[in-house]
Amino acid sequence: MRPRSVLRATAIATAAYILVARPRQLRWGATDEESEGPLPGDDLIENADLIATRAITIRASAERVWPWIAQLGQGRGGFHSYDFLENLVGCDIHSADRIVPEWQDVVVGDEVRFAPEVGLVVAALDQGRSLVLRGGVPIGNTTPPYDFTWAFVLRDEPDKTTRLLVRERYAYTRTWAWIIVELTEVLSFVMSQKMLREIKERAERPVR
């Protein structure tokens, strides 16, 4: 393929991603109202450079969904995504298939880890309703080039289902941070879909 054809194909693919795929990835499963409306934790980063809001409907009460949120984290209930991919980079994630009582006590200031030595801090908590994590993942010995919040929010629906909303907010602290975040969000889209679906599957199981 000629260089000019390669450039043209690259330009078309990039435009398609920006105009079609990227907006879908950043708002997967969420309504316009959910994507554009406020959620707990938004006040921690008032002027975010990038926001992603993803959501799913769960046919169970918030009371049944919350325990799966409360025990998220490495060394706890995992993240219900692609464990084998996370473990390829040493995260040591093992997503739980049951509620573990000793993992239910979560308070502001706790650390929720991605990996044995990398985690976020519980920045805000409304027991049974919302969990907001804050921090960032270092790049080697370099501190994160952004501030980041990750909110998990439960909303009761009139039909007795629950909406689980997950929002990511980034504020860049380095000029080049957008490159890292844009690449991260492609992976986050894939991992978040899996996480939401797995939490839904677990919460909807009949109570024994």
C-alpha atoms as a PDB file:
ATOM      1  CA  MET A   1       0.000   0.000   0.000  1.00  0.00           C
ATOM      2  CA  ARG A   2       1.313   3.443  -0.933  1.00  0.00           C
ATOM      3  CA  PRO A   3       2.164   5.923   1.841  1.00  0.00           C
ATOM      4  CA  ARG A   4      -0.605   8.267   0.691  1.00  0.00           C
ATOM      5  CA  SER A   5      -3.148   5.456   0.848  1.00  0.00           C
ATOM      6  CA  VAL A   6      -1.942   4.503   4.328  1.00  0.00           C
ATOM      7  CA  LEU A   7      -2.348   8.083   5.521  1.00  0.00           C
ATOM      8  CA  ARG A   8      -5.821   8.295   3.997  1.00  0.00           C
ATOM      9  CA  ALA A   9      -6.909   5.029   5.601  1.00  0.00           C
ATOM     10  CA  THR A  10      -5.491   6.124   8.951  1.00  0.00           C
ATOM     11  CA  ALA A  11      -7.298   9.465   8.726  1.00  0.00           C
ATOM     12  CA  ILE A  12     -10.607   7.760   7.925  1.00  0.00           C
ATOM     13  CA  ALA A  13     -10.199   5.258  10.769  1.00  0.00           C
ATOM     14  CA  THR A  14      -9.301   8.021  13.219  1.00  0.00           C
ATOM     15  CA  ALA A  15     -12.271  10.138  12.163  1.00  0.00           C
ATOM     16  CA  ALA A  16     -14.610   7.158  12.495  1.00  0.00           C
ATOM     17  CA  TYR A  17     -13.334   6.464  16.000  1.00  0.00           C
ATOM     18  CA  ILE A  18     -13.686  10.084  17.125  1.00  0.00           C
ATOM     19  CA  LEU A  19     -17.135  10.598  15.599  1.00  0.00           C
ATOM     20  CA  VAL A  20     -18.729   7.188  16.186  1.00  0.00           C
ATOM     21  CA  ALA A  21     -16.872   4.760  18.451  1.00  0.00           C
ATOM     22  CA  ARG A  22     -15.482   7.123  21.096  1.00  0.00           C
ATOM     23  CA  PRO A  23     -18.838   8.714  22.101  1.00  0.00           C
ATOM     24  CA  ARG A  24     -20.378   5.242  22.375  1.00  0.00           C
ATOM     25  CA  GLN A  25     -17.509   3.980  24.501  1.00  0.00           C
ATOM     26  CA  LEU A  26     -17.727   6.917  26.894  1.00  0.00           C
ATOM     27  CA  ARG A  27     -21.503   6.546  27.391  1.00  0.00           C
ATOM     28  CA  TRP A  28     -22.080   2.803  27.013  1.00  0.00           C
ATOM     29  CA  GLY A  29     -25.445   1.774  28.481  1.00  0.00           C
ATOM     30  CA  ALA A  30     -26.137   5.227  29.945  1.00  0.00           C
ATOM     31  CA  THR A  31     -28.993   7.523  28.989  1.00  0.00           C
ATOM     32  CA  ASP A  32     -28.390  11.165  28.064  1.00  0.00           C
ATOM     33  CA  GLU A  33     -29.788  12.187  31.436  1.00  0.00           C
ATOM     34  CA  GLU A  34     -27.452   9.818  33.280  1.00  0.00           C
ATOM     35  CA  SER A  35     -24.411  10.858  31.274  1.00  0.00           C
ATOM     36  CA  GLU A  36     -25.026  14.576  31.614  1.00  0.00           C
ATOM     37  CA  GLY A  37     -26.488  14.666  35.129  1.00  0.00           C
ATOM     38  CA  PRO A  38     -24.558  14.947  38.404  1.00  0.00           C
ATOM     39  CA  LEU A  39     -23.382  11.921  40.357  1.00  0.00           C
ATOM     40  CA  PRO A  40     -21.704  11.539  43.755  1.00  0.00           C
ATOM     41  CA  GLY A  41     -18.024  12.409  43.550  1.00  0.00           C
ATOM     42  CA  ASP A  42     -18.347  14.946  40.743  1.00  0.00           C
ATOM     43  CA  ASP A  43     -17.468  17.731  43.171  1.00  0.00           C
ATOM     44  CA  LEU A  44     -14.051  16.180  43.828  1.00  0.00           C
ATOM     45  CA  ILE A  45     -12.955  17.098  40.295  1.00  0.00           C
ATOM     46  CA  GLU A  46     -15.048  20.064  39.225  1.00  0.00           C
ATOM     47  CA  ASN A  47     -13.421  20.728  35.835  1.00  0.00           C
ATOM     48  CA  ALA A  48     -12.799  17.299  34.365  1.00  0.00           C
ATOM     49  CA  ASP A  49     -10.995  16.971  31.038  1.00  0.00           C
ATOM     50  CA  LEU A  50     -12.624  13.631  30.247  1.00  0.00           C
ATOM     51  CA  ILE A  51     -15.739  11.974  31.639  1.00  0.00           C
ATOM     52  CA  ALA A  52     -17.017   8.465  30.970  1.00  0.00           C
ATOM     53  CA  THR A  53     -20.376   7.261  32.324  1.00  0.00           C
ATOM     54  CA  ARG A  54     -21.452   3.668  31.779  1.00  0.00           C
ATOM     55  CA  ALA A  55     -24.526   1.922  33.139  1.00  0.00           C
ATOM     56  CA  ILE A  56     -26.591  -1.246  33.274  1.00  0.00           C
ATOM     57  CA  THR A  57     -30.007  -2.294  34.565  1.00  0.00           C
ATOM     58  CA  ILE A  58     -30.016  -5.044  37.179  1.00  0.00           C
ATOM     59  CA  ARG A  59     -33.167  -6.996  38.018  1.00  0.00           C
ATOM     60  CA  ALA A  60     -32.530  -6.890  41.738  1.00  0.00           C
ATOM     61  CA  SER A  61     -32.762  -4.392  44.571  1.00  0.00           C
ATOM     62  CA  ALA A  62     -29.906  -2.042  45.416  1.00  0.00           C
ATOM     63  CA  GLU A  63     -29.602  -3.943  48.679  1.00  0.00           C
ATOM     64  CA  ARG A  64     -28.626  -7.062  46.731  1.00  0.00           C
ATOM     65  CA  VAL A  65     -26.269  -5.232  44.380  1.00  0.00           C
ATOM     66  CA  TRP A  66     -24.360  -3.206  46.975  1.00  0.00           C
ATOM     67  CA  PRO A  67     -22.407  -6.106  48.575  1.00  0.00           C
ATOM     68  CA  TRP A  68     -20.729  -6.767  45.223  1.00  0.00           C
ATOM     69  CA  ILE A  69     -19.663  -3.107  45.055  1.00  0.00           C
ATOM     70  CA  ALA A  70     -18.490  -2.985  48.663  1.00  0.00           C
ATOM     71  CA  GLN A  71     -16.039  -5.845  48.231  1.00  0.00           C
ATOM     72  CA  LEU A  72     -14.357  -4.635  45.024  1.00  0.00           C
ATOM     73  CA  GLY A  73     -10.576  -4.631  44.945  1.00  0.00           C
ATOM     74  CA  GLN A  74      -7.425  -6.686  44.636  1.00  0.00           C
ATOM     75  CA  GLY A  75      -7.065  -8.992  47.619  1.00  0.00           C
ATOM     76  CA  ARG A  76     -10.833  -8.732  48.092  1.00  0.00           C
ATOM     77  CA  GLY A  77     -13.623  -9.487  45.624  1.00  0.00           C
ATOM     78  CA  GLY A  78     -11.724  -8.465  42.501  1.00  0.00           C
ATOM     79  CA  PHE A  79     -13.311  -6.404  39.715  1.00  0.00           C
ATOM     80  CA  HIS A  80     -15.385  -9.019  37.844  1.00  0.00           C
ATOM     81  CA  SER A  81     -13.696  -8.287  34.552  1.00  0.00           C
ATOM     82  CA  TYR A  82     -11.050 -10.188  32.583  1.00  0.00           C
ATOM     83  CA  ASP A  83      -8.959 -11.508  35.468  1.00  0.00           C
ATOM     84  CA  PHE A  84      -6.541 -13.320  33.171  1.00  0.00           C
ATOM     85  CA  LEU A  85      -5.639 -10.067  31.395  1.00  0.00           C
ATOM     86  CA  GLU A  86      -5.160  -8.201  34.672  1.00  0.00           C
ATOM     87  CA  ASN A  87      -3.015 -11.010  36.017  1.00  0.00           C
ATOM     88  CA  LEU A  88      -0.753 -10.938  32.956  1.00  0.00           C
ATOM     89  CA  VAL A  89       0.579  -7.628  34.296  1.00  0.00           C
ATOM     90  CA  GLY A  90       0.863  -8.881  37.874  1.00  0.00           C
ATOM     91  CA  CYS A  91      -2.372  -7.572  39.378  1.00  0.00           C
ATOM     92  CA  ASP A  92      -3.157 -10.863  41.167  1.00  0.00           C
ATOM     93  CA  ILE A  93      -6.930 -10.376  40.742  1.00  0.00           C
ATOM     94  CA  HIS A  94      -9.385 -13.167  41.630  1.00  0.00           C
ATOM     95  CA  SER A  95     -12.994 -12.075  41.226  1.00  0.00           C
ATOM     96  CA  ALA A  96     -15.220 -13.529  43.918  1.00  0.00           C
ATOM     97  CA  ASP A  97     -18.269 -15.598  43.111  1.00  0.00           C
ATOM     98  CA  ARG A  98     -19.889 -15.034  46.499  1.00  0.00           C
ATOM     99  CA  ILE A  99     -20.409 -12.338  49.092  1.00  0.00           C
ATOM    100  CA  VAL A 100     -17.707 -12.426  51.770  1.00  0.00           C
ATOM    101  CA  PRO A 101     -18.839 -10.776  55.034  1.00  0.00           C
ATOM    102  CA  GLU A 102     -15.354  -9.670  56.102  1.00  0.00           C
ATOM    103  CA  TRP A 103     -14.997  -7.647  52.890  1.00  0.00           C
ATOM    104  CA  GLN A 104     -18.165  -5.637  53.455  1.00  0.00           C
ATOM    105  CA  ASP A 105     -16.763  -3.062  55.862  1.00  0.00           C
ATOM    106  CA  VAL A 106     -15.551  -0.183  53.709  1.00  0.00           C
ATOM    107  CA  VAL A 107     -15.022   3.364  55.020  1.00  0.00           C
ATOM    108  CA  VAL A 108     -13.688   6.668  53.714  1.00  0.00           C
ATOM    109  CA  GLY A 109      -9.890   6.551  53.695  1.00  0.00           C
ATOM    110  CA  ASP A 110      -9.640   2.841  52.906  1.00  0.00           C
ATOM    111  CA  GLU A 111      -7.479   1.762  49.990  1.00  0.00           C
ATOM    112  CA  VAL A 112      -9.039  -0.237  47.167  1.00  0.00           C
ATOM    113  CA  ARG A 113      -6.179  -1.819  45.255  1.00  0.00           C
ATOM    114  CA  PHE A 114      -5.778  -2.539  41.537  1.00  0.00           C
ATOM    115  CA  ALA A 115      -2.617  -4.526  42.248  1.00  0.00           C
ATOM    116  CA  PRO A 116      -0.630  -5.438  45.376  1.00  0.00           C
ATOM    117  CA  GLU A 117       1.131  -2.041  45.416  1.00  0.00           C
ATOM    118  CA  VAL A 118      -1.270   0.160  43.444  1.00  0.00           C
ATOM    119  CA  GLY A 119      -4.616   1.417  44.693  1.00  0.00           C
ATOM    120  CA  LEU A 120      -7.149   4.200  44.965  1.00  0.00           C
ATOM    121  CA  VAL A 121      -8.527   5.778  48.138  1.00  0.00           C
ATOM    122  CA  VAL A 122     -12.184   5.716  49.144  1.00  0.00           C
ATOM    123  CA  ALA A 123     -12.926   9.445  48.864  1.00  0.00           C
ATOM    124  CA  ALA A 124     -16.691   9.420  49.416  1.00  0.00           C
ATOM    125  CA  LEU A 125     -19.194   6.837  50.575  1.00  0.00           C
ATOM    126  CA  ASP A 126     -22.952   6.610  50.975  1.00  0.00           C
ATOM    127  CA  GLN A 127     -23.439   3.151  52.408  1.00  0.00           C
ATOM    128  CA  GLY A 128     -25.613   1.052  50.136  1.00  0.00           C
ATOM    129  CA  ARG A 129     -25.804   3.782  47.478  1.00  0.00           C
ATOM    130  CA  SER A 130     -22.457   5.064  46.245  1.00  0.00           C
ATOM    131  CA  LEU A 131     -18.732   4.437  46.465  1.00  0.00           C
ATOM    132  CA  VAL A 132     -16.247   6.970  45.061  1.00  0.00           C
ATOM    133  CA  LEU A 133     -12.559   6.163  44.637  1.00  0.00           C
ATOM    134  CA  ARG A 134      -9.832   8.691  43.888  1.00  0.00           C
ATOM    135  CA  GLY A 135      -6.193   8.625  42.841  1.00  0.00           C
ATOM    136  CA  GLY A 136      -4.265   7.361  39.840  1.00  0.00           C
ATOM    137  CA  VAL A 137      -1.954   4.655  38.557  1.00  0.00           C
ATOM    138  CA  PRO A 138       1.749   5.601  38.442  1.00  0.00           C
ATOM    139  CA  ILE A 139       3.723   5.092  35.248  1.00  0.00           C
ATOM    140  CA  GLY A 140       6.816   3.330  36.526  1.00  0.00           C
ATOM    141  CA  ASN A 141       8.443   5.774  38.928  1.00  0.00           C
ATOM    142  CA  THR A 142       6.448   8.697  37.509  1.00  0.00           C
ATOM    143  CA  THR A 143       3.440   9.920  39.452  1.00  0.00           C
ATOM    144  CA  PRO A 144       0.083   9.785  37.615  1.00  0.00           C
ATOM    145  CA  PRO A 145      -0.225  12.684  35.125  1.00  0.00           C
ATOM    146  CA  TYR A 146      -3.879  13.159  36.080  1.00  0.00           C
ATOM    147  CA  ASP A 147      -6.308  13.285  38.980  1.00  0.00           C
ATOM    148  CA  PHE A 148      -8.984  10.606  38.751  1.00  0.00           C
ATOM    149  CA  THR A 149     -12.257   9.610  40.396  1.00  0.00           C
ATOM    150  CA  TRP A 150     -14.154   6.364  39.873  1.00  0.00           C
ATOM    151  CA  ALA A 151     -17.735   6.380  41.149  1.00  0.00           C
ATOM    152  CA  PHE A 152     -20.120   3.438  41.556  1.00  0.00           C
ATOM    153  CA  VAL A 153     -23.707   4.601  42.045  1.00  0.00           C
ATOM    154  CA  LEU A 154     -26.930   2.637  42.594  1.00  0.00           C
ATOM    155  CA  ARG A 155     -30.350   4.073  41.717  1.00  0.00           C
ATOM    156  CA  ASP A 156     -33.715   2.451  42.418  1.00  0.00           C
ATOM    157  CA  GLU A 157     -36.096   2.285  39.471  1.00  0.00           C
ATOM    158  CA  PRO A 158     -39.930   2.267  39.627  1.00  0.00           C
ATOM    159  CA  ASP A 159     -40.090  -1.291  38.243  1.00  0.00           C
ATOM    160  CA  LYS A 160     -38.023  -2.533  41.229  1.00  0.00           C
ATOM    161  CA  THR A 161     -34.853  -2.853  39.194  1.00  0.00           C
ATOM    162  CA  THR A 162     -31.614  -1.036  39.969  1.00  0.00           C
ATOM    163  CA  ARG A 163     -29.475   1.098  37.730  1.00  0.00           C
ATOM    164  CA  LEU A 164     -25.748   0.692  38.320  1.00  0.00           C
ATOM    165  CA  LEU A 165     -23.824   3.711  37.042  1.00  0.00           C
ATOM    166  CA  VAL A 166     -20.046   3.851  36.860  1.00  0.00           C
ATOM    167  CA  ARG A 167     -18.400   7.209  36.199  1.00  0.00           C
ATOM    168  CA  GLU A 168     -14.760   8.018  35.534  1.00  0.00           C
ATOM    169  CA  ARG A 169     -13.540  11.623  35.711  1.00  0.00           C
ATOM    170  CA  TYR A 170     -10.039  12.743  34.746  1.00  0.00           C
ATOM    171  CA  ALA A 171      -8.297  16.097  35.265  1.00  0.00           C
ATOM    172  CA  TYR A 172      -4.969  16.334  33.464  1.00  0.00           C
ATOM    173  CA  THR A 173      -1.970  17.568  35.446  1.00  0.00           C
ATOM    174  CA  ARG A 174       0.508  17.141  32.570  1.00  0.00           C
ATOM    175  CA  THR A 175       0.081  18.352  28.988  1.00  0.00           C
ATOM    176  CA  TRP A 176       0.657  14.852  27.633  1.00  0.00           C
ATOM    177  CA  ALA A 177      -1.790  13.138  30.001  1.00  0.00           C
ATOM    178  CA  TRP A 178      -4.531  13.016  27.361  1.00  0.00           C
ATOM    179  CA  ILE A 179      -2.540  10.457  25.367  1.00  0.00           C
ATOM    180  CA  ILE A 180      -2.384   8.083  28.334  1.00  0.00           C
ATOM    181  CA  VAL A 181      -6.032   8.628  29.257  1.00  0.00           C
ATOM    182  CA  GLU A 182      -7.386   8.152  25.724  1.00  0.00           C
ATOM    183  CA  LEU A 183      -5.547   4.833  25.434  1.00  0.00           C
ATOM    184  CA  THR A 184      -6.684   3.860  28.931  1.00  0.00           C
ATOM    185  CA  GLU A 185     -10.307   4.596  28.081  1.00  0.00           C
ATOM    186  CA  VAL A 186     -10.310   2.155  25.174  1.00  0.00           C
ATOM    187  CA  LEU A 187      -9.250  -0.592  27.583  1.00  0.00           C
ATOM    188  CA  SER A 188     -11.604   0.713  30.271  1.00  0.00           C
ATOM    189  CA  PHE A 189     -14.529   0.419  27.860  1.00  0.00           C
ATOM    190  CA  VAL A 190     -13.791  -3.265  27.287  1.00  0.00           C
ATOM    191  CA  MET A 191     -13.156  -4.042  30.949  1.00  0.00           C
ATOM    192  CA  SER A 192     -16.118  -2.005  32.261  1.00  0.00           C
ATOM    193  CA  GLN A 193     -18.638  -3.781  30.041  1.00  0.00           C
ATOM    194  CA  LYS A 194     -17.477  -7.106  31.402  1.00  0.00           C
ATOM    195  CA  MET A 195     -17.532  -5.825  35.000  1.00  0.00           C
ATOM    196  CA  LEU A 196     -21.052  -4.442  34.755  1.00  0.00           C
ATOM    197  CA  ARG A 197     -22.412  -7.591  33.155  1.00  0.00           C
ATOM    198  CA  GLU A 198     -20.728  -9.855  35.703  1.00  0.00           C
ATOM    199  CA  ILE A 199     -22.040  -7.826  38.657  1.00  0.00           C
ATOM    200  CA  LYS A 200     -25.498  -7.951  37.087  1.00  0.00           C
ATOM    201  CA  GLU A 201     -25.292 -11.728  36.672  1.00  0.00           C
ATOM    202  CA  ARG A 202     -24.234 -12.236  40.272  1.00  0.00           C
ATOM    203  CA  ALA A 203     -26.798  -9.873  41.789  1.00  0.00           C
ATOM    204  CA  GLU A 204     -29.653 -11.426  39.808  1.00  0.00           C
ATOM    205  CA  ARG A 205     -29.021 -14.957  41.010  1.00  0.00           C
ATOM    206  CA  PRO A 206     -31.829 -16.423  43.100  1.00  0.00           C
ATOM    207  CA  VAL A 207     -31.256 -16.090  46.826  1.00  0.00           C
ATOM    208  CA  ARG A 208     -30.604 -19.493  48.384  1.00  0.00           C
END
